[in-house]
Amino acid sequence: LMHEFVLGTLPELQAHGELMKRFPDMEHDEPHMAHVAPGKSAAMGWQFTRPGEFYYGCLISGHFEAGMIGRIRVVDR
């Protein structure tokens, strides 16, 4: 199956997930998103510029709801 990696806050991911349900063929070309075709891999680099709680997930319909989500905590040094 196709998968994607989208980085953002939890409210951003939830809102974008709802949009993906309405427009499942929506294409993305954002630096905080990566699409991964079946049988392939991808790499993405990101530098956080502020502390906070961020999330990543696959927003293809049904994937996020099935548990394809993770959390990143960025702290000050």
PDB file of N, CA and C in Angstrom:
ATOM      1  N   LEU A   1       0.833  -1.195   0.000  1.00  0.00           N
ATOM      2  CA  LEU A   1       0.000   0.000   0.000  1.00  0.00           C
ATOM      3  C   LEU A   1       0.873   1.253   0.000  1.00  0.00           C
ATOM      4  N   MET A   2       0.332   2.311  -0.548  1.00  0.00           N
ATOM      5  CA  MET A   2       0.978   3.621  -0.475  1.00  0.00           C
ATOM      6  C   MET A   2       0.905   4.095   0.975  1.00  0.00           C
ATOM      7  N   HIS A   3       1.967   4.755   1.410  1.00  0.00           N
ATOM      8  CA  HIS A   3       2.003   5.364   2.737  1.00  0.00           C
ATOM      9  C   HIS A   3       2.575   6.764   2.600  1.00  0.00           C
ATOM     10  N   GLU A   4       2.394   7.545   3.651  1.00  0.00           N
ATOM     11  CA  GLU A   4       3.015   8.868   3.682  1.00  0.00           C
ATOM     12  C   GLU A   4       3.461   9.160   5.099  1.00  0.00           C
ATOM     13  N   PHE A   5       4.404  10.068   5.207  1.00  0.00           N
ATOM     14  CA  PHE A   5       4.926  10.528   6.484  1.00  0.00           C
ATOM     15  C   PHE A   5       4.671  12.022   6.513  1.00  0.00           C
ATOM     16  N   VAL A   6       3.830  12.461   7.450  1.00  0.00           N
ATOM     17  CA  VAL A   6       3.509  13.881   7.571  1.00  0.00           C
ATOM     18  C   VAL A   6       3.870  14.312   8.985  1.00  0.00           C
ATOM     19  N   LEU A   7       4.600  15.388   9.102  1.00  0.00           N
ATOM     20  CA  LEU A   7       5.068  15.914  10.370  1.00  0.00           C
ATOM     21  C   LEU A   7       4.279  17.168  10.719  1.00  0.00           C
ATOM     22  N   GLY A   8       3.827  17.290  11.970  1.00  0.00           N
ATOM     23  CA  GLY A   8       3.102  18.482  12.395  1.00  0.00           C
ATOM     24  C   GLY A   8       2.602  18.338  13.814  1.00  0.00           C
ATOM     25  N   THR A   9       1.759  19.264  14.225  1.00  0.00           N
ATOM     26  CA  THR A   9       1.125  19.163  15.536  1.00  0.00           C
ATOM     27  C   THR A   9      -0.058  18.202  15.409  1.00  0.00           C
ATOM     28  N   LEU A  10      -0.553  17.706  16.526  1.00  0.00           N
ATOM     29  CA  LEU A  10      -1.675  16.776  16.477  1.00  0.00           C
ATOM     30  C   LEU A  10      -2.909  17.420  15.824  1.00  0.00           C
ATOM     31  N   PRO A  11      -3.271  18.668  16.180  1.00  0.00           N
ATOM     32  CA  PRO A  11      -4.422  19.284  15.498  1.00  0.00           C
ATOM     33  C   PRO A  11      -4.211  19.442  13.980  1.00  0.00           C
ATOM     34  N   GLU A  12      -2.988  19.750  13.566  1.00  0.00           N
ATOM     35  CA  GLU A  12      -2.704  19.870  12.128  1.00  0.00           C
ATOM     36  C   GLU A  12      -2.884  18.530  11.424  1.00  0.00           C
ATOM     37  N   LEU A  13      -2.377  17.456  12.031  1.00  0.00           N
ATOM     38  CA  LEU A  13      -2.510  16.141  11.420  1.00  0.00           C
ATOM     39  C   LEU A  13      -3.971  15.707  11.369  1.00  0.00           C
ATOM     40  N   GLN A  14      -4.717  15.965  12.433  1.00  0.00           N
ATOM     41  CA  GLN A  14      -6.125  15.590  12.447  1.00  0.00           C
ATOM     42  C   GLN A  14      -6.904  16.347  11.375  1.00  0.00           C
ATOM     43  N   ALA A  15      -6.652  17.641  11.231  1.00  0.00           N
ATOM     44  CA  ALA A  15      -7.346  18.441  10.219  1.00  0.00           C
ATOM     45  C   ALA A  15      -6.968  17.980   8.817  1.00  0.00           C
ATOM     46  N   HIS A  16      -5.699  17.711   8.599  1.00  0.00           N
ATOM     47  CA  HIS A  16      -5.259  17.270   7.275  1.00  0.00           C
ATOM     48  C   HIS A  16      -5.800  15.877   6.964  1.00  0.00           C
ATOM     49  N   GLY A  17      -5.903  15.033   7.980  1.00  0.00           N
ATOM     50  CA  GLY A  17      -6.477  13.699   7.796  1.00  0.00           C
ATOM     51  C   GLY A  17      -7.921  13.771   7.339  1.00  0.00           C
ATOM     52  N   GLU A  18      -8.680  14.703   7.903  1.00  0.00           N
ATOM     53  CA  GLU A  18     -10.073  14.886   7.483  1.00  0.00           C
ATOM     54  C   GLU A  18     -10.140  15.360   6.033  1.00  0.00           C
ATOM     55  N   LEU A  19      -9.235  16.243   5.656  1.00  0.00           N
ATOM     56  CA  LEU A  19      -9.177  16.722   4.279  1.00  0.00           C
ATOM     57  C   LEU A  19      -8.838  15.573   3.325  1.00  0.00           C
ATOM     58  N   MET A  20      -7.935  14.695   3.750  1.00  0.00           N
ATOM     59  CA  MET A  20      -7.553  13.548   2.924  1.00  0.00           C
ATOM     60  C   MET A  20      -8.737  12.591   2.709  1.00  0.00           C
ATOM     61  N   LYS A  21      -9.620  12.505   3.698  1.00  0.00           N
ATOM     62  CA  LYS A  21     -10.802  11.658   3.539  1.00  0.00           C
ATOM     63  C   LYS A  21     -11.703  12.196   2.429  1.00  0.00           C
ATOM     64  N   ARG A  22     -11.801  13.521   2.336  1.00  0.00           N
ATOM     65  CA  ARG A  22     -12.649  14.138   1.306  1.00  0.00           C
ATOM     66  C   ARG A  22     -11.984  14.139  -0.061  1.00  0.00           C
ATOM     67  N   PHE A  23     -10.646  14.209  -0.078  1.00  0.00           N
ATOM     68  CA  PHE A  23      -9.889  14.264  -1.335  1.00  0.00           C
ATOM     69  C   PHE A  23      -8.762  13.227  -1.291  1.00  0.00           C
ATOM     70  N   PRO A  24      -9.098  11.933  -1.406  1.00  0.00           N
ATOM     71  CA  PRO A  24      -8.088  10.875  -1.224  1.00  0.00           C
ATOM     72  C   PRO A  24      -6.969  10.878  -2.268  1.00  0.00           C
ATOM     73  N   ASP A  25      -7.173  11.483  -3.413  1.00  0.00           N
ATOM     74  CA  ASP A  25      -6.123  11.513  -4.437  1.00  0.00           C
ATOM     75  C   ASP A  25      -5.297  12.790  -4.394  1.00  0.00           C
ATOM     76  N   MET A  26      -5.446  13.550  -3.318  1.00  0.00           N
ATOM     77  CA  MET A  26      -4.724  14.808  -3.156  1.00  0.00           C
ATOM     78  C   MET A  26      -3.219  14.546  -3.187  1.00  0.00           C
ATOM     79  N   GLU A  27      -2.496  15.363  -3.949  1.00  0.00           N
ATOM     80  CA  GLU A  27      -1.044  15.226  -4.024  1.00  0.00           C
ATOM     81  C   GLU A  27      -0.385  16.274  -3.140  1.00  0.00           C
ATOM     82  N   HIS A  28       0.789  15.940  -2.627  1.00  0.00           N
ATOM     83  CA  HIS A  28       1.510  16.829  -1.719  1.00  0.00           C
ATOM     84  C   HIS A  28       2.903  17.108  -2.268  1.00  0.00           C
ATOM     85  N   ASP A  29       3.361  18.305  -1.998  1.00  0.00           N
ATOM     86  CA  ASP A  29       4.740  18.669  -2.338  1.00  0.00           C
ATOM     87  C   ASP A  29       5.228  19.643  -1.280  1.00  0.00           C
ATOM     88  N   GLU A  30       5.283  19.164  -0.054  1.00  0.00           N
ATOM     89  CA  GLU A  30       5.683  19.975   1.090  1.00  0.00           C
ATOM     90  C   GLU A  30       6.934  19.375   1.722  1.00  0.00           C
ATOM     91  N   PRO A  31       7.798  20.209   2.295  1.00  0.00           N
ATOM     92  CA  PRO A  31       9.031  19.675   2.888  1.00  0.00           C
ATOM     93  C   PRO A  31       8.795  18.801   4.122  1.00  0.00           C
ATOM     94  N   HIS A  32       7.624  18.942   4.771  1.00  0.00           N
ATOM     95  CA  HIS A  32       7.341  18.144   5.971  1.00  0.00           C
ATOM     96  C   HIS A  32       6.487  16.910   5.660  1.00  0.00           C
ATOM     97  N   MET A  33       6.445  16.517   4.373  1.00  0.00           N
ATOM     98  CA  MET A  33       5.681  15.345   3.956  1.00  0.00           C
ATOM     99  C   MET A  33       6.509  14.489   3.010  1.00  0.00           C
ATOM    100  N   ALA A  34       6.374  13.176   3.155  1.00  0.00           N
ATOM    101  CA  ALA A  34       7.038  12.249   2.237  1.00  0.00           C
ATOM    102  C   ALA A  34       6.043  11.162   1.859  1.00  0.00           C
ATOM    103  N   HIS A  35       5.995  10.827   0.593  1.00  0.00           N
ATOM    104  CA  HIS A  35       5.143   9.743   0.114  1.00  0.00           C
ATOM    105  C   HIS A  35       6.019   8.545  -0.181  1.00  0.00           C
ATOM    106  N   VAL A  36       5.529   7.369   0.194  1.00  0.00           N
ATOM    107  CA  VAL A  36       6.307   6.154   0.028  1.00  0.00           C
ATOM    108  C   VAL A  36       5.459   5.128  -0.725  1.00  0.00           C
ATOM    109  N   ALA A  37       5.879   4.818  -1.935  1.00  0.00           N
ATOM    110  CA  ALA A  37       5.170   3.857  -2.778  1.00  0.00           C
ATOM    111  C   ALA A  37       5.369   2.441  -2.244  1.00  0.00           C
ATOM    112  N   PRO A  38       4.478   1.535  -2.571  1.00  0.00           N
ATOM    113  CA  PRO A  38       4.615   0.144  -2.120  1.00  0.00           C
ATOM    114  C   PRO A  38       5.978  -0.440  -2.486  1.00  0.00           C
ATOM    115  N   GLY A  39       6.624  -1.068  -1.517  1.00  0.00           N
ATOM    116  CA  GLY A  39       7.911  -1.703  -1.738  1.00  0.00           C
ATOM    117  C   GLY A  39       9.095  -0.752  -1.789  1.00  0.00           C
ATOM    118  N   LYS A  40       8.870   0.534  -1.566  1.00  0.00           N
ATOM    119  CA  LYS A  40       9.932   1.539  -1.632  1.00  0.00           C
ATOM    120  C   LYS A  40      10.218   2.094  -0.242  1.00  0.00           C
ATOM    121  N   SER A  41      11.251   2.897  -0.142  1.00  0.00           N
ATOM    122  CA  SER A  41      11.571   3.601   1.100  1.00  0.00           C
ATOM    123  C   SER A  41      11.846   5.055   0.758  1.00  0.00           C
ATOM    124  N   ALA A  42      11.855   5.888   1.774  1.00  0.00           N
ATOM    125  CA  ALA A  42      12.108   7.312   1.580  1.00  0.00           C
ATOM    126  C   ALA A  42      12.855   7.847   2.790  1.00  0.00           C
ATOM    127  N   ALA A  43      13.503   8.972   2.612  1.00  0.00           N
ATOM    128  CA  ALA A  43      14.209   9.635   3.711  1.00  0.00           C
ATOM    129  C   ALA A  43      13.797  11.094   3.738  1.00  0.00           C
ATOM    130  N   MET A  44      13.741  11.641   4.934  1.00  0.00           N
ATOM    131  CA  MET A  44      13.374  13.043   5.097  1.00  0.00           C
ATOM    132  C   MET A  44      14.179  13.607   6.261  1.00  0.00           C
ATOM    133  N   GLY A  45      14.749  14.772   6.081  1.00  0.00           N
ATOM    134  CA  GLY A  45      15.462  15.441   7.156  1.00  0.00           C
ATOM    135  C   GLY A  45      14.657  16.635   7.633  1.00  0.00           C
ATOM    136  N   TRP A  46      14.722  16.912   8.928  1.00  0.00           N
ATOM    137  CA  TRP A  46      13.977  18.046   9.464  1.00  0.00           C
ATOM    138  C   TRP A  46      14.736  18.609  10.651  1.00  0.00           C
ATOM    139  N   GLN A  47      14.855  19.923  10.723  1.00  0.00           N
ATOM    140  CA  GLN A  47      15.481  20.570  11.871  1.00  0.00           C
ATOM    141  C   GLN A  47      14.406  21.328  12.634  1.00  0.00           C
ATOM    142  N   PHE A  48      14.205  20.954  13.874  1.00  0.00           N
ATOM    143  CA  PHE A  48      13.226  21.645  14.716  1.00  0.00           C
ATOM    144  C   PHE A  48      13.845  22.940  15.214  1.00  0.00           C
ATOM    145  N   THR A  49      13.074  24.008  15.181  1.00  0.00           N
ATOM    146  CA  THR A  49      13.577  25.322  15.579  1.00  0.00           C
ATOM    147  C   THR A  49      12.971  25.827  16.881  1.00  0.00           C
ATOM    148  N   ARG A  50      12.105  25.022  17.468  1.00  0.00           N
ATOM    149  CA  ARG A  50      11.505  25.405  18.747  1.00  0.00           C
ATOM    150  C   ARG A  50      11.114  24.149  19.502  1.00  0.00           C
ATOM    151  N   PRO A  51      11.086  24.241  20.830  1.00  0.00           N
ATOM    152  CA  PRO A  51      10.649  23.085  21.611  1.00  0.00           C
ATOM    153  C   PRO A  51       9.141  22.888  21.466  1.00  0.00           C
ATOM    154  N   GLY A  52       8.703  21.703  21.773  1.00  0.00           N
ATOM    155  CA  GLY A  52       7.272  21.409  21.730  1.00  0.00           C
ATOM    156  C   GLY A  52       7.018  19.940  21.489  1.00  0.00           C
ATOM    157  N   GLU A  53       5.746  19.631  21.359  1.00  0.00           N
ATOM    158  CA  GLU A  53       5.326  18.267  21.089  1.00  0.00           C
ATOM    159  C   GLU A  53       4.835  18.212  19.651  1.00  0.00           C
ATOM    160  N   PHE A  54       5.429  17.357  18.868  1.00  0.00           N
ATOM    161  CA  PHE A  54       5.110  17.229  17.456  1.00  0.00           C
ATOM    162  C   PHE A  54       4.748  15.773  17.177  1.00  0.00           C
ATOM    163  N   TYR A  55       4.039  15.580  16.103  1.00  0.00           N
ATOM    164  CA  TYR A  55       3.593  14.235  15.743  1.00  0.00           C
ATOM    165  C   TYR A  55       3.920  13.959  14.285  1.00  0.00           C
ATOM    166  N   TYR A  56       3.945  12.685  13.951  1.00  0.00           N
ATOM    167  CA  TYR A  56       4.062  12.270  12.559  1.00  0.00           C
ATOM    168  C   TYR A  56       3.066  11.138  12.351  1.00  0.00           C
ATOM    169  N   GLY A  57       2.577  11.048  11.137  1.00  0.00           N
ATOM    170  CA  GLY A  57       1.621   9.989  10.860  1.00  0.00           C
ATOM    171  C   GLY A  57       1.400   9.798   9.376  1.00  0.00           C
ATOM    172  N   CYS A  58       0.726   8.725   9.070  1.00  0.00           N
ATOM    173  CA  CYS A  58       0.312   8.437   7.701  1.00  0.00           C
ATOM    174  C   CYS A  58      -1.144   8.860   7.598  1.00  0.00           C
ATOM    175  N   LEU A  59      -1.426   9.828   6.738  1.00  0.00           N
ATOM    176  CA  LEU A  59      -2.770  10.380   6.649  1.00  0.00           C
ATOM    177  C   LEU A  59      -3.587   9.812   5.496  1.00  0.00           C
ATOM    178  N   ILE A  60      -3.095   8.749   4.879  1.00  0.00           N
ATOM    179  CA  ILE A  60      -3.915   8.065   3.884  1.00  0.00           C
ATOM    180  C   ILE A  60      -5.102   7.466   4.638  1.00  0.00           C
ATOM    181  N   SER A  61      -6.282   7.614   4.076  1.00  0.00           N
ATOM    182  CA  SER A  61      -7.520   7.245   4.753  1.00  0.00           C
ATOM    183  C   SER A  61      -7.437   5.875   5.429  1.00  0.00           C
ATOM    184  N   GLY A  62      -7.727   5.872   6.724  1.00  0.00           N
ATOM    185  CA  GLY A  62      -7.732   4.658   7.524  1.00  0.00           C
ATOM    186  C   GLY A  62      -6.418   4.340   8.207  1.00  0.00           C
ATOM    187  N   HIS A  63      -5.313   4.843   7.706  1.00  0.00           N
ATOM    188  CA  HIS A  63      -4.002   4.501   8.265  1.00  0.00           C
ATOM    189  C   HIS A  63      -3.786   5.171   9.623  1.00  0.00           C
ATOM    190  N   PHE A  64      -4.052   6.472   9.707  1.00  0.00           N
ATOM    191  CA  PHE A  64      -3.898   7.224  10.948  1.00  0.00           C
ATOM    192  C   PHE A  64      -4.785   6.608  12.041  1.00  0.00           C
ATOM    193  N   GLU A  65      -6.038   6.313  11.653  1.00  0.00           N
ATOM    194  CA  GLU A  65      -6.998   5.735  12.599  1.00  0.00           C
ATOM    195  C   GLU A  65      -6.565   4.348  13.065  1.00  0.00           C
ATOM    196  N   ALA A  66      -5.800   3.642  12.230  1.00  0.00           N
ATOM    197  CA  ALA A  66      -5.324   2.304  12.579  1.00  0.00           C
ATOM    198  C   ALA A  66      -4.082   2.341  13.472  1.00  0.00           C
ATOM    199  N   GLY A  67      -3.584   3.536  13.778  1.00  0.00           N
ATOM    200  CA  GLY A  67      -2.456   3.650  14.697  1.00  0.00           C
ATOM    201  C   GLY A  67      -1.146   4.083  14.072  1.00  0.00           C
ATOM    202  N   MET A  68      -1.157   4.506  12.827  1.00  0.00           N
ATOM    203  CA  MET A  68       0.082   4.955  12.181  1.00  0.00           C
ATOM    204  C   MET A  68       0.359   6.399  12.588  1.00  0.00           C
ATOM    205  N   ILE A  69       0.808   6.567  13.813  1.00  0.00           N
ATOM    206  CA  ILE A  69       1.097   7.880  14.388  1.00  0.00           C
ATOM    207  C   ILE A  69       2.225   7.713  15.404  1.00  0.00           C
ATOM    208  N   GLY A  70       3.042   8.752  15.525  1.00  0.00           N
ATOM    209  CA  GLY A  70       4.100   8.746  16.524  1.00  0.00           C
ATOM    210  C   GLY A  70       4.286  10.158  17.062  1.00  0.00           C
ATOM    211  N   ARG A  71       4.978  10.260  18.179  1.00  0.00           N
ATOM    212  CA  ARG A  71       5.173  11.551  18.842  1.00  0.00           C
ATOM    213  C   ARG A  71       6.665  11.859  18.980  1.00  0.00           C
ATOM    214  N   ILE A  72       6.999  13.124  18.807  1.00  0.00           N
ATOM    215  CA  ILE A  72       8.364  13.628  19.006  1.00  0.00           C
ATOM    216  C   ILE A  72       8.286  14.758  20.015  1.00  0.00           C
ATOM    217  N   ARG A  73       9.089  14.682  21.062  1.00  0.00           N
ATOM    218  CA  ARG A  73       9.163  15.776  22.040  1.00  0.00           C
ATOM    219  C   ARG A  73      10.490  16.479  21.866  1.00  0.00           C
ATOM    220  N   VAL A  74      10.426  17.767  21.562  1.00  0.00           N
ATOM    221  CA  VAL A  74      11.614  18.579  21.381  1.00  0.00           C
ATOM    222  C   VAL A  74      11.762  19.457  22.629  1.00  0.00           C
ATOM    223  N   VAL A  75      12.935  19.392  23.267  1.00  0.00           N
ATOM    224  CA  VAL A  75      13.168  20.147  24.497  1.00  0.00           C
ATOM    225  C   VAL A  75      14.327  21.112  24.330  1.00  0.00           C
ATOM    226  N   ASP A  76      14.317  22.172  25.139  1.00  0.00           N
ATOM    227  CA  ASP A  76      15.446  23.113  25.180  1.00  0.00           C
ATOM    228  C   ASP A  76      16.641  22.419  25.823  1.00  0.00           C
ATOM    229  N   ARG A  77      17.805  22.832  25.410  1.00  0.00           N
ATOM    230  CA  ARG A  77      19.022  22.288  26.038  1.00  0.00           C
ATOM    231  C   ARG A  77      19.483  23.181  27.136  1.00  0.00           C
TER     232      ARG A  77
END
